[in-house]
Protein backbone atom coordinates (compact mmCIF):
# COMPACT_ATOMS: atom_id res chain seq x y z
CA UNK A 1 -18.41 -17.65 -13.01
CA UNK A 2 -17.26 -19.66 -9.98
CA UNK A 3 -15.75 -17.80 -7.04
CA UNK A 4 -13.44 -18.86 -4.26
CA UNK A 5 -12.07 -17.37 -1.08
CA UNK A 6 -8.36 -16.60 -1.39
CA UNK A 7 -6.61 -17.83 1.76
CA UNK A 8 -4.14 -15.73 3.69
CA UNK A 9 -2.69 -17.80 6.53
CA UNK A 10 -6.19 -18.81 7.51
CA UNK A 11 -7.63 -15.29 7.21
CA UNK A 12 -9.69 -14.66 4.03
CA UNK A 13 -9.46 -11.04 2.93
CA UNK A 14 -10.37 -11.05 -0.75
CA UNK A 15 -13.06 -12.72 -2.83
CA UNK A 16 -11.76 -13.63 -6.29
CA UNK A 17 -12.49 -15.67 -9.38
CA UNK A 18 -11.29 -19.26 -9.41
CA UNK A 19 -7.68 -19.70 -10.56
CA UNK A 20 -4.89 -22.20 -10.72
CA UNK A 21 -1.75 -22.16 -8.60
CA UNK A 22 1.19 -20.04 -9.78
CA UNK A 23 4.14 -21.93 -11.25
CA UNK A 24 6.60 -22.49 -8.38
CA UNK A 25 9.55 -21.68 -10.65
CA UNK A 26 8.34 -18.18 -11.40
CA UNK A 27 10.88 -15.70 -10.00
CA UNK A 28 9.15 -12.67 -8.47
CA UNK A 29 11.40 -9.81 -7.46
CA UNK A 30 9.91 -7.78 -4.60
CA UNK A 31 11.48 -4.46 -3.58
CA UNK A 32 10.87 -2.54 -0.39
CA UNK A 33 10.75 -5.78 1.59
CA UNK A 34 11.43 -4.07 4.93
CA UNK A 35 8.32 -1.93 4.50
CA UNK A 36 4.71 -2.75 5.31
CA UNK A 37 3.50 -3.65 1.81
CA UNK A 38 6.77 -5.26 0.74
CA UNK A 39 6.88 -7.43 3.85
CA UNK A 40 3.28 -8.51 3.38
CA UNK A 41 3.95 -9.29 -0.28
CA UNK A 42 6.92 -11.50 0.52
CA UNK A 43 4.89 -13.44 3.08
CA UNK A 44 1.90 -13.83 0.77
CA UNK A 45 3.58 -14.46 -2.57
CA UNK A 46 6.09 -16.95 -1.15
CA UNK A 47 3.17 -19.38 -0.93
CA UNK A 48 2.99 -19.53 -4.72
CA UNK A 49 6.26 -18.33 -6.28
CA UNK A 50 10.02 -18.14 -5.79
CA UNK A 51 10.59 -14.76 -4.17
CA UNK A 52 13.69 -12.68 -4.74
CA UNK A 53 13.48 -10.35 -1.76
CA UNK A 54 15.49 -7.27 -2.69
CA UNK A 55 16.34 -5.09 0.27
CA UNK A 56 18.58 -2.04 -0.04
CA UNK A 57 21.74 -4.11 0.25
CA UNK A 58 20.68 -6.20 -2.74
CA UNK A 59 19.09 -3.48 -4.88
CA UNK A 60 19.87 0.10 -3.89
CA UNK A 61 17.31 2.24 -5.67
CA UNK A 62 19.32 5.38 -4.94
CA UNK A 63 22.00 4.08 -7.29
CA UNK A 64 19.98 4.52 -10.47
CA UNK A 65 22.74 3.58 -12.91
CA UNK A 66 23.32 0.24 -11.17
CA UNK A 67 19.70 -0.92 -11.33
CA UNK A 68 19.88 -2.54 -14.81
CA UNK A 69 23.04 -4.48 -13.90
CA UNK A 70 21.51 -5.82 -10.68
CA UNK A 71 18.31 -6.80 -12.48
CA UNK A 72 20.39 -8.66 -15.08
CA UNK A 73 21.94 -10.64 -12.24
CA UNK A 74 18.64 -11.37 -10.45
CA UNK A 75 16.77 -12.35 -13.65
CA UNK A 76 13.18 -11.85 -12.42
CA UNK A 77 10.15 -13.08 -14.36
CA UNK A 78 8.05 -10.41 -12.63
CA UNK A 79 8.97 -7.27 -10.72
CA UNK A 80 6.78 -6.01 -7.86
CA UNK A 81 8.09 -2.62 -6.79
CA UNK A 82 6.88 -1.81 -3.29
CA UNK A 83 9.81 0.48 -2.46
CA UNK A 84 9.01 4.16 -2.06
CA UNK A 85 9.91 7.40 -0.36
CA UNK A 86 6.85 7.94 1.87
CA UNK A 87 7.86 10.76 4.24
CA UNK A 88 5.11 13.05 2.99
CA UNK A 89 6.01 16.18 4.95
CA UNK A 90 9.78 15.75 4.73
CA UNK A 91 9.48 15.42 0.95
CA UNK A 92 8.64 19.12 0.76
CA UNK A 93 12.27 19.75 1.74
CA UNK A 94 13.78 16.65 0.11
CA UNK A 95 12.33 16.92 -3.36
CA UNK A 96 15.38 15.43 -5.07
CA UNK A 97 15.41 12.33 -2.89
CA UNK A 98 11.67 11.84 -3.25
CA UNK A 99 11.83 12.04 -7.05
CA UNK A 100 14.91 9.83 -7.26
CA UNK A 101 13.20 7.06 -5.28
CA UNK A 102 9.63 7.46 -6.53
CA UNK A 103 10.26 8.39 -10.17
CA UNK A 104 13.83 7.82 -11.39
CA UNK A 105 14.26 4.36 -9.86
CA UNK A 106 10.90 3.04 -11.16
CA UNK A 107 11.77 4.49 -14.56
CA UNK A 108 15.04 2.52 -14.61
CA UNK A 109 13.23 -0.68 -13.61
CA UNK A 110 10.51 -0.06 -16.19
CA UNK A 111 12.96 0.44 -19.04
CA UNK A 112 14.84 -2.73 -18.11
CA UNK A 113 11.57 -4.65 -17.86
CA UNK A 114 10.20 -3.26 -21.11
CA UNK A 115 13.28 -4.29 -23.07
CA UNK A 116 12.87 -7.88 -21.87
CA UNK A 117 9.09 -8.18 -21.77
CA UNK A 118 9.09 -8.61 -17.99
CA UNK A 119 5.84 -7.45 -16.35
CA UNK A 120 6.15 -4.75 -13.70
CA UNK A 121 3.77 -4.10 -10.80
CA UNK A 122 4.28 -0.71 -9.18
CA UNK A 123 2.55 1.04 -6.28
CA UNK A 124 1.26 4.57 -6.35
CA UNK A 125 -1.06 6.61 -4.16
CA UNK A 126 -4.29 8.56 -3.74
CA UNK A 127 -2.05 11.63 -3.28
CA UNK A 128 -1.88 12.02 -7.07
CA UNK A 129 -5.38 13.54 -6.78
CA UNK A 130 -6.23 16.99 -5.42
CA UNK A 131 -8.95 15.67 -3.09
CA UNK A 132 -11.76 17.81 -4.48
CA UNK A 133 -15.40 16.72 -4.29
CA UNK A 134 -16.84 13.73 -2.50
CA UNK A 135 -17.04 11.13 -5.29
CA UNK A 136 -14.58 8.20 -5.24
CA UNK A 137 -11.72 8.76 -7.67
CA UNK A 138 -11.70 6.62 -10.81
CA UNK A 139 -8.55 5.53 -12.60
CA UNK A 140 -9.35 7.85 -15.54
CA UNK A 141 -9.95 10.96 -13.44
CA UNK A 142 -7.59 13.94 -13.86
CA UNK A 143 -4.61 14.01 -11.51
CA UNK A 144 -3.37 17.11 -9.71
CA UNK A 145 -1.14 16.34 -6.71
CA UNK A 146 -1.01 18.83 -3.87
CA UNK A 147 2.40 17.84 -2.51
CA UNK A 148 5.93 16.97 -3.57
CA UNK A 149 5.29 13.40 -2.49
CA UNK A 150 2.20 13.17 -4.70
CA UNK A 151 4.05 14.79 -7.61
CA UNK A 152 6.94 12.33 -7.26
CA UNK A 153 4.58 9.34 -7.30
CA UNK A 154 2.78 10.75 -10.34
CA UNK A 155 6.13 11.18 -12.10
CA UNK A 156 6.81 7.50 -11.41
CA UNK A 157 3.50 6.53 -12.99
CA UNK A 158 4.28 8.65 -16.06
CA UNK A 159 7.77 7.19 -16.45
CA UNK A 160 6.52 3.61 -16.25
CA UNK A 161 3.89 4.23 -18.93
CA UNK A 162 6.48 5.92 -21.13
CA UNK A 163 8.75 2.85 -20.95
CA UNK A 164 6.11 0.97 -22.93
CA UNK A 165 6.40 -2.44 -21.27
CA UNK A 166 3.71 -4.57 -19.63
CA UNK A 167 2.87 -2.94 -16.34
CA UNK A 168 0.22 -2.51 -13.68
CA UNK A 169 0.29 0.62 -11.52
CA UNK A 170 -1.62 0.10 -8.29
CA UNK A 171 -2.90 3.16 -6.47
CA UNK A 172 -3.71 2.54 -2.83
CA UNK A 173 -4.26 4.59 0.32
CA UNK A 174 -4.01 4.89 4.11
CA UNK A 175 -1.81 1.79 4.40
CA UNK A 176 -1.16 0.30 7.82
CA UNK A 177 -0.01 -2.90 9.54
CA UNK A 178 0.62 -4.10 13.08
CA UNK A 179 4.34 -3.65 12.39
CA UNK A 180 6.27 -0.70 11.03
CA UNK A 181 5.68 3.03 11.21
CA UNK A 182 2.08 3.97 10.43
CA UNK A 183 -1.09 5.59 11.75
CA UNK A 184 -2.22 2.47 13.61
CA UNK A 185 0.93 2.27 15.70
CA UNK A 186 1.14 6.04 16.16
CA UNK A 187 -2.39 6.16 17.59
CA UNK A 188 -1.66 3.16 19.81
CA UNK A 189 1.46 4.87 21.16
CA UNK A 190 -0.23 8.22 21.75
CA UNK A 191 -3.29 6.58 23.29
CA UNK A 192 -1.05 4.93 25.86
CA UNK A 193 0.44 8.30 26.81
CA UNK A 194 -2.32 10.92 26.57
CA UNK A 195 -5.83 11.37 27.94
CA UNK A 196 -7.05 13.22 24.86
CA UNK A 197 -6.30 12.75 21.17
CA UNK A 198 -7.26 15.39 18.60
CA UNK A 199 -7.63 13.79 15.18
CA UNK A 200 -8.59 15.23 11.77
CA UNK A 201 -12.20 14.43 10.86
CA UNK A 202 -12.63 16.15 7.47
CA UNK A 203 -10.38 13.94 5.35
CA UNK A 204 -12.08 10.83 3.98
CA UNK A 205 -10.68 7.50 2.79
CA UNK A 206 -10.41 3.79 3.50
CA UNK A 207 -7.75 2.47 5.88
CA UNK A 208 -6.15 -0.41 3.98
CA UNK A 209 -4.06 -3.10 5.63
CA UNK A 210 -0.90 -4.27 3.89
CA UNK A 211 -2.29 -7.81 3.96
CA UNK A 212 -5.36 -6.78 1.97
CA UNK A 213 -3.07 -5.30 -0.67
CA UNK A 214 -0.85 -8.39 -0.74
CA UNK A 215 -3.84 -10.71 -1.13
CA UNK A 216 -5.20 -8.65 -4.00
CA UNK A 217 -1.83 -8.63 -5.77
CA UNK A 218 -1.50 -12.38 -5.30
CA UNK A 219 -4.84 -12.94 -7.01
CA UNK A 220 -4.03 -10.54 -9.85
CA UNK A 221 -0.74 -12.19 -10.78
CA UNK A 222 -1.93 -15.79 -10.32
CA UNK A 223 -2.13 -17.29 -13.84
CA UNK A 224 -5.37 -18.29 -15.46
CA UNK A 225 -6.53 -18.64 -19.05
CA UNK A 226 -5.76 -14.96 -19.71
CA UNK A 227 -2.03 -14.08 -19.86
CA UNK A 228 -0.76 -11.66 -17.25
CA UNK A 229 0.24 -9.02 -19.78
CA UNK A 230 -3.22 -9.16 -21.35
CA UNK A 231 -4.87 -8.70 -17.96
CA UNK A 232 -2.65 -5.68 -17.30
CA UNK A 233 -3.67 -4.27 -20.68
CA UNK A 234 -7.35 -4.88 -19.93
CA UNK A 235 -6.94 -2.60 -16.92
CA UNK A 236 -5.13 0.01 -18.98
CA UNK A 237 -2.06 -0.56 -16.83
CA UNK A 238 -3.71 1.07 -13.81
CA UNK A 239 -5.97 -0.15 -10.98
CA UNK A 240 -7.13 1.08 -7.59
CA UNK A 241 -6.79 -1.27 -4.61
CA UNK A 242 -8.10 -0.33 -1.18
CA UNK A 243 -10.39 -1.65 1.50
CA UNK A 244 -14.09 -1.07 0.88
CA UNK A 245 -16.15 1.54 2.68
CA UNK A 246 -14.85 4.80 4.07
CA UNK A 247 -14.14 6.71 7.26
CA UNK A 248 -12.08 9.66 8.43
CA UNK A 249 -8.78 9.75 10.27
CA UNK A 250 -10.83 10.43 13.39
CA UNK A 251 -13.05 7.43 12.71
CA UNK A 252 -9.97 5.29 12.13
CA UNK A 253 -8.39 6.49 15.36
CA UNK A 254 -11.57 5.87 17.35
CA UNK A 255 -11.79 2.33 15.96
CA UNK A 256 -8.17 1.70 16.96
CA UNK A 257 -8.70 2.95 20.50
CA UNK A 258 -11.97 1.04 20.95
CA UNK A 259 -10.45 -2.11 19.47
CA UNK A 260 -7.36 -2.03 21.68
CA UNK A 261 -9.42 -1.39 24.80
CA UNK A 262 -11.69 -4.31 23.91
CA UNK A 263 -8.58 -6.49 23.67
CA UNK A 264 -7.35 -5.55 27.13
CA UNK A 265 -4.67 -3.04 26.20
CA UNK A 266 -3.87 -0.51 28.95
CA UNK A 267 -4.52 2.95 27.49
CA UNK A 268 -4.46 6.40 29.04
CA UNK A 269 -6.75 7.99 26.45
CA UNK A 270 -10.27 8.97 27.52
CA UNK A 271 -11.53 10.95 24.51
CA UNK A 272 -10.78 11.15 20.79
CA UNK A 273 -11.76 14.64 19.66
CA UNK A 274 -12.63 15.37 16.00
CA UNK A 275 -10.93 18.46 14.54
CA UNK A 276 -10.67 20.12 11.14
CA UNK A 277 -7.50 19.71 9.08
CA UNK A 278 -7.04 23.48 9.30
CA UNK A 279 -6.53 23.10 13.05
CA UNK A 280 -3.60 20.73 12.46
CA UNK A 281 -1.43 22.31 9.76
CA UNK A 282 1.18 20.09 8.13
CA UNK A 283 4.13 20.83 5.87
CA UNK A 284 2.47 19.05 2.95
CA UNK A 285 -1.15 19.42 1.91
CA UNK A 286 -3.28 16.27 2.09
CA UNK A 287 -6.29 15.51 -0.11
CA UNK A 288 -9.60 15.93 1.72
CA UNK A 289 -11.20 13.26 -0.46
CA UNK A 290 -9.06 10.15 -0.81
CA UNK A 291 -11.90 7.78 -1.70
CA UNK A 292 -10.86 5.37 -4.48
CA UNK A 293 -13.36 3.82 -6.87
CA UNK A 294 -12.95 0.02 -6.86
CA UNK A 295 -15.30 -0.80 -9.75
CA UNK A 296 -12.51 -1.83 -12.13
CA UNK A 297 -10.93 -4.02 -9.46
CA UNK A 298 -14.18 -5.99 -9.29
CA UNK A 299 -15.06 -6.05 -12.98
CA UNK A 300 -11.61 -6.62 -14.49
CA UNK A 301 -9.95 -8.79 -11.85
CA UNK A 302 -12.99 -10.15 -10.01
CA UNK A 303 -11.72 -8.90 -6.65
CA UNK A 304 -13.90 -7.57 -3.84
CA UNK A 305 -12.05 -6.23 -0.82
CA UNK A 306 -13.50 -6.26 2.72
CA UNK A 307 -14.97 -3.31 4.59
CA UNK A 308 -12.05 -1.48 6.19
CA UNK A 309 -12.79 -2.40 9.81
CA UNK A 310 -12.73 -6.17 9.16
CA UNK A 311 -8.99 -6.50 8.40
CA UNK A 312 -8.27 -3.91 11.07
CA UNK A 313 -9.44 -6.48 13.63
CA UNK A 314 -6.64 -8.85 12.57
CA UNK A 315 -3.96 -6.19 12.96
CA UNK A 316 -5.41 -5.09 16.31
CA UNK A 317 -5.17 -8.67 17.55
CA UNK A 318 -1.45 -8.71 16.78
CA UNK A 319 -0.80 -5.22 18.13
CA UNK A 320 -2.73 -5.82 21.36
CA UNK A 321 -0.69 -8.96 22.01
CA UNK A 322 2.50 -6.97 21.56
CA UNK A 323 1.32 -4.17 23.85
CA UNK A 324 0.31 -6.52 26.64
CA UNK A 325 3.53 -8.53 26.41
CA UNK A 326 5.95 -5.58 26.47
CA UNK A 327 6.61 -2.88 29.01
CA UNK A 328 5.10 0.45 27.93
CA UNK A 329 8.54 1.96 27.41
CA UNK A 330 9.46 -0.84 25.03
CA UNK A 331 6.29 -0.38 23.01
CA UNK A 332 6.80 3.38 22.83
CA UNK A 333 10.27 3.01 21.42
CA UNK A 334 9.13 0.44 18.86
CA UNK A 335 6.20 2.41 17.48
């Protein structure tokens, strides 16, 4: 089998099997376009398809009954649902809103798509697992979410399967980008303010940039000799996508601090101290083991993702430029 490097604005992130270019006339509806993954998807998929970028003004997922009518108007050939309620701790007190966004809205999209044979790509999370053990989670492993957020995402998975249409649920983890609200920017902001950071060191996973996810999705939906619906079925409608390798939140934070310092960013932080999760209680419980098994991603779709610190370097380049070009107060308010 021949392989090629999939380009991403000059930065290769994913090794994939050879494929042909997507038909330009294919209409791909992307939701959540103001978010990290949605924004990366629009940028990446616009190279090979006609993108219908559906922000909240165009497709309000809180208005469940209106979703079918709007989809009838937009007439997508493929739906990529990157919209989600992701406020993990706040979800413990906003259960209804979390389930409406993460379960009811995907269910409405899935039923519309199933009735018309339109493939649906939907994003889920490592939080559907309870985090026990130290083995990477496989797609077939039992699920047992610890939080309302995890339960709402699992309910979305269940609803999409129940709709019966062609679908691919993508579980991912520890998503970040140079833009938006995420761990990368939070650490950068705190490191510019404090001499010491205390970061959890007993939760394990793979920091995954939004661009890595977008590149992988682009390769999955690019047509080849096997129809898209058949490829989704080969995966059982479920796949794990994340960067390769693993670290802890502390390891991630240390890499961010070291990387920004190496790029000339002015930081106040002197030490990054590892702590146990028990020393930093949160409203929602997090899985201690968020490792995702990527075997099926390689064997079914021919995709190998990079070690987590490689794409981090690209995001650090962008973030360091922003930090050195703005006054500290401006950066703090943007993070």
